Amino acid sequence: MTNIPVDPANPTTPVNHSLSAQELIDQIRAMRERIPYFTIPETPSDGVRLVRGASVPAAFVELTAVALKNSPALVRGGGADPEQLRDMQTYATAYSPFADELEALALFVRHSVLAAKHNAGTEAFTTYELAKRLAKRPATADLRPHVADMRRALVAGRRKAKVTPAPGPSPAPTAPVPVTPGGTPAEPPPVMTTSPSTTQ
């Protein structure tokens, strides 16, 4: 069983996870101020809009920077100069691994959260099963109220879990309506009904 984390400044005191997590959140948010060109997408589709320009080869960007440097006619008002082009390209190359590391960290933290919940839930369920058996014995009958409380909490938690409804059956395909040579739909043939014949 993993030991409970303790405060390094006070080894006898368990870590306050809420406080520790909030301190890390504050550090991550403060990190935004240190990231050049940091931009927050305005809409969920902003990334799609940027893909085309971001896919331009680095060699192409460098060639345009050289052309801007040597051809004043290419300089546009408000456009990036050669140094800015190279700086943005260098930034993208340097910070792409940094973004990968943050995504990996988020993946590992979410896995750690899931593992902690799994371990806690497994231990709790094992204790519940043991308590149910012991509550049936006269010597440990005082466990019955606790078992009842645990059962109610377990049932209530399962009821709150969202259940995805199973997809309904697909509608049966309809037969195409035949079209007459004049272009209008033909009348469907009459349905013939037969009455049961009687045997003589």
Protein backbone atom coordinates (compact mmCIF):
# COMPACT_ATOMS: atom_id res chain seq x y z
CA MET A 1 0.00 0.00 0.00
CA THR A 2 1.39 3.44 -0.92
CA ASN A 3 2.24 5.62 2.05
CA ILE A 4 0.34 8.86 2.57
CA PRO A 5 2.35 11.84 1.22
CA VAL A 6 3.58 14.19 3.95
CA ASP A 7 4.53 17.85 4.02
CA PRO A 8 8.33 18.12 3.49
CA ALA A 9 8.43 21.06 5.91
CA ASN A 10 6.61 19.02 8.57
CA PRO A 11 7.04 15.24 8.00
CA THR A 12 4.43 14.40 10.63
CA THR A 13 1.67 16.33 8.81
CA PRO A 14 -0.09 14.82 5.76
CA VAL A 15 -0.09 16.92 2.60
CA ASN A 16 -3.09 19.18 2.11
CA HIS A 17 -3.91 18.05 -1.42
CA SER A 18 -6.35 20.88 -2.14
CA LEU A 19 -3.79 23.50 -1.15
CA SER A 20 -0.97 21.71 -2.98
CA ALA A 21 -3.01 21.37 -6.17
CA GLN A 22 -4.04 25.04 -6.07
CA GLU A 23 -0.40 26.09 -5.69
CA LEU A 24 0.49 24.09 -8.80
CA ILE A 25 -2.43 25.62 -10.70
CA ASP A 26 -1.17 29.08 -9.75
CA GLN A 27 2.31 28.18 -10.99
CA ILE A 28 0.94 26.91 -14.30
CA ARG A 29 -1.13 30.05 -14.79
CA ALA A 30 1.88 32.23 -13.96
CA MET A 31 3.78 30.29 -16.63
CA ARG A 32 1.54 31.87 -19.25
CA GLU A 33 3.26 35.21 -18.71
CA ARG A 34 6.62 33.63 -19.55
CA ILE A 35 5.55 32.03 -22.84
CA PRO A 36 6.18 34.31 -25.86
CA TYR A 37 3.43 34.64 -28.45
CA PHE A 38 1.00 33.02 -25.98
CA THR A 39 -2.44 33.10 -27.60
CA ILE A 40 -5.78 31.79 -26.34
CA PRO A 41 -8.12 30.51 -29.09
CA GLU A 42 -11.30 32.56 -29.39
CA THR A 43 -13.39 29.68 -30.77
CA PRO A 44 -13.01 25.88 -30.78
CA SER A 45 -12.37 25.99 -34.54
CA ASP A 46 -9.45 28.42 -34.38
CA GLY A 47 -6.94 25.59 -34.65
CA VAL A 48 -8.48 24.38 -37.90
CA ARG A 49 -8.21 27.86 -39.35
CA LEU A 50 -4.49 28.05 -38.52
CA VAL A 51 -3.48 24.67 -39.95
CA ARG A 52 -2.91 25.86 -43.51
CA GLY A 53 -0.44 28.60 -42.62
CA ALA A 54 1.23 26.47 -39.95
CA SER A 55 1.91 23.73 -42.52
CA VAL A 56 4.19 25.95 -44.61
CA PRO A 57 7.73 24.43 -44.68
CA ALA A 58 10.40 26.18 -42.60
CA ALA A 59 12.64 26.43 -45.67
CA PHE A 60 9.91 28.39 -47.46
CA VAL A 61 9.64 30.81 -44.53
CA GLU A 62 13.42 31.33 -44.58
CA LEU A 63 13.43 32.03 -48.32
CA THR A 64 10.72 34.66 -47.93
CA ALA A 65 12.72 36.25 -45.10
CA VAL A 66 15.75 36.48 -47.38
CA ALA A 67 13.61 37.97 -50.16
CA LEU A 68 12.18 40.57 -47.77
CA LYS A 69 15.66 41.50 -46.61
CA ASN A 70 16.95 42.04 -50.11
CA SER A 71 13.87 43.36 -51.94
CA PRO A 72 12.36 46.54 -50.41
CA ALA A 73 9.46 46.26 -52.86
CA LEU A 74 8.19 43.23 -50.91
CA VAL A 75 7.98 45.09 -47.60
CA ARG A 76 4.34 45.65 -46.63
CA GLY A 77 2.95 48.02 -44.05
CA GLY A 78 2.09 46.03 -40.94
CA GLY A 79 3.78 42.90 -42.30
CA ALA A 80 6.46 40.96 -40.43
CA ASP A 81 10.09 41.80 -41.13
CA PRO A 82 12.72 39.08 -41.74
CA GLU A 83 13.80 39.04 -38.07
CA GLN A 84 10.22 38.54 -36.90
CA LEU A 85 9.64 35.71 -39.38
CA ARG A 86 12.76 33.91 -38.18
CA ASP A 87 11.89 34.54 -34.54
CA MET A 88 8.39 33.08 -34.89
CA GLN A 89 9.77 30.05 -36.73
CA THR A 90 12.43 29.49 -34.05
CA TYR A 91 9.80 29.90 -31.32
CA ALA A 92 7.56 27.27 -32.93
CA THR A 93 10.45 24.81 -33.17
CA ALA A 94 11.53 25.38 -29.57
CA TYR A 95 8.11 25.34 -27.89
CA SER A 96 6.58 22.39 -29.73
CA PRO A 97 8.42 19.90 -27.44
CA PHE A 98 7.36 22.00 -24.46
CA ALA A 99 3.70 21.59 -25.48
CA ASP A 100 4.29 17.84 -25.89
CA GLU A 101 5.69 17.68 -22.37
CA LEU A 102 2.68 19.51 -20.93
CA GLU A 103 0.29 17.14 -22.73
CA ALA A 104 2.23 14.15 -21.39
CA LEU A 105 2.12 15.62 -17.89
CA ALA A 106 -1.67 16.11 -18.15
CA LEU A 107 -2.03 12.49 -19.30
CA PHE A 108 0.06 11.20 -16.39
CA VAL A 109 -1.77 13.34 -13.83
CA ARG A 110 -5.17 12.14 -15.08
CA HIS A 111 -3.92 8.55 -14.90
CA SER A 112 -2.66 9.18 -11.36
CA VAL A 113 -6.07 10.58 -10.38
CA LEU A 114 -7.82 7.55 -11.87
CA ALA A 115 -5.41 5.16 -10.15
CA ALA A 116 -5.94 6.87 -6.78
CA LYS A 117 -9.73 6.68 -7.16
CA HIS A 118 -9.45 3.04 -8.22
CA ASN A 119 -7.33 2.12 -5.21
CA ALA A 120 -9.62 3.98 -2.81
CA GLY A 121 -12.74 2.45 -4.34
CA THR A 122 -11.28 -1.06 -4.35
CA GLU A 123 -10.22 -0.81 -0.71
CA ALA A 124 -13.63 0.60 0.27
CA PHE A 125 -15.51 -2.16 -1.55
CA THR A 126 -13.33 -4.84 0.04
CA THR A 127 -14.07 -3.37 3.47
CA TYR A 128 -17.79 -3.26 2.65
CA GLU A 129 -17.86 -6.93 1.65
CA LEU A 130 -16.02 -7.88 4.84
CA ALA A 131 -18.37 -5.75 6.95
CA LYS A 132 -21.41 -7.45 5.39
CA ARG A 133 -20.12 -10.86 6.46
CA LEU A 134 -19.14 -9.75 9.94
CA ALA A 135 -22.46 -7.97 10.51
CA LYS A 136 -24.18 -11.35 10.39
CA ARG A 137 -22.25 -12.56 13.41
CA PRO A 138 -23.55 -11.83 16.91
CA ALA A 139 -20.13 -10.64 18.11
CA THR A 140 -19.90 -7.96 15.41
CA ALA A 141 -23.60 -7.18 14.92
CA ASP A 142 -22.83 -3.52 15.69
CA LEU A 143 -21.61 -3.26 12.10
CA ARG A 144 -25.14 -3.55 10.70
CA PRO A 145 -25.93 0.21 10.77
CA HIS A 146 -22.61 0.95 9.07
CA VAL A 147 -23.31 -1.65 6.40
CA ALA A 148 -26.73 -0.12 5.79
CA ASP A 149 -25.19 3.35 5.41
CA MET A 150 -22.55 2.05 3.01
CA ARG A 151 -25.19 0.22 0.96
CA ARG A 152 -27.30 3.37 0.60
CA ALA A 153 -24.28 5.43 -0.42
CA LEU A 154 -23.25 2.80 -2.97
CA VAL A 155 -26.71 2.57 -4.52
CA ALA A 156 -27.10 6.36 -4.63
CA GLY A 157 -23.73 6.71 -6.36
CA ARG A 158 -24.66 4.16 -9.01
CA ARG A 159 -27.97 5.90 -9.69
CA LYS A 160 -26.15 9.18 -10.32
CA ALA A 161 -23.89 7.55 -12.90
CA LYS A 162 -24.92 8.52 -16.39
CA VAL A 163 -26.07 5.63 -18.54
CA THR A 164 -25.76 6.06 -22.29
CA PRO A 165 -29.00 4.82 -23.93
CA ALA A 166 -28.62 2.09 -26.49
CA PRO A 167 -29.19 3.29 -30.07
CA GLY A 168 -32.65 2.50 -31.39
CA PRO A 169 -33.23 0.35 -34.44
CA SER A 170 -32.68 2.01 -37.79
CA PRO A 171 -35.87 2.69 -39.80
CA ALA A 172 -36.59 0.18 -42.50
CA PRO A 173 -35.62 1.44 -45.98
CA THR A 174 -38.55 2.44 -48.17
CA ALA A 175 -38.89 1.07 -51.69
CA PRO A 176 -38.45 3.67 -54.47
CA VAL A 177 -41.63 4.90 -56.10
CA PRO A 178 -41.72 3.95 -59.81
CA VAL A 179 -41.90 6.83 -62.26
CA THR A 180 -43.94 6.79 -65.47
CA PRO A 181 -42.40 7.92 -68.79
CA GLY A 182 -44.10 11.29 -68.31
CA GLY A 183 -42.08 11.94 -65.20
CA THR A 184 -44.87 11.59 -62.65
CA PRO A 185 -44.91 8.96 -59.93
CA ALA A 186 -46.95 5.92 -60.89
CA GLU A 187 -49.87 4.90 -58.78
CA PRO A 188 -49.00 2.00 -56.52
CA PRO A 189 -50.66 -1.28 -57.51
CA PRO A 190 -53.77 -2.16 -55.54
CA VAL A 191 -53.31 -4.48 -52.63
CA MET A 192 -55.11 -7.77 -53.29
CA THR A 193 -56.79 -9.30 -50.32
CA THR A 194 -58.02 -12.85 -50.33
CA SER A 195 -60.49 -14.37 -48.02
CA PRO A 196 -59.72 -17.75 -46.58
CA SER A 197 -61.24 -20.50 -48.69
CA THR A 198 -63.28 -23.16 -47.12
CA THR A 199 -62.68 -26.78 -47.90
CA GLN A 200 -65.63 -28.80 -49.03
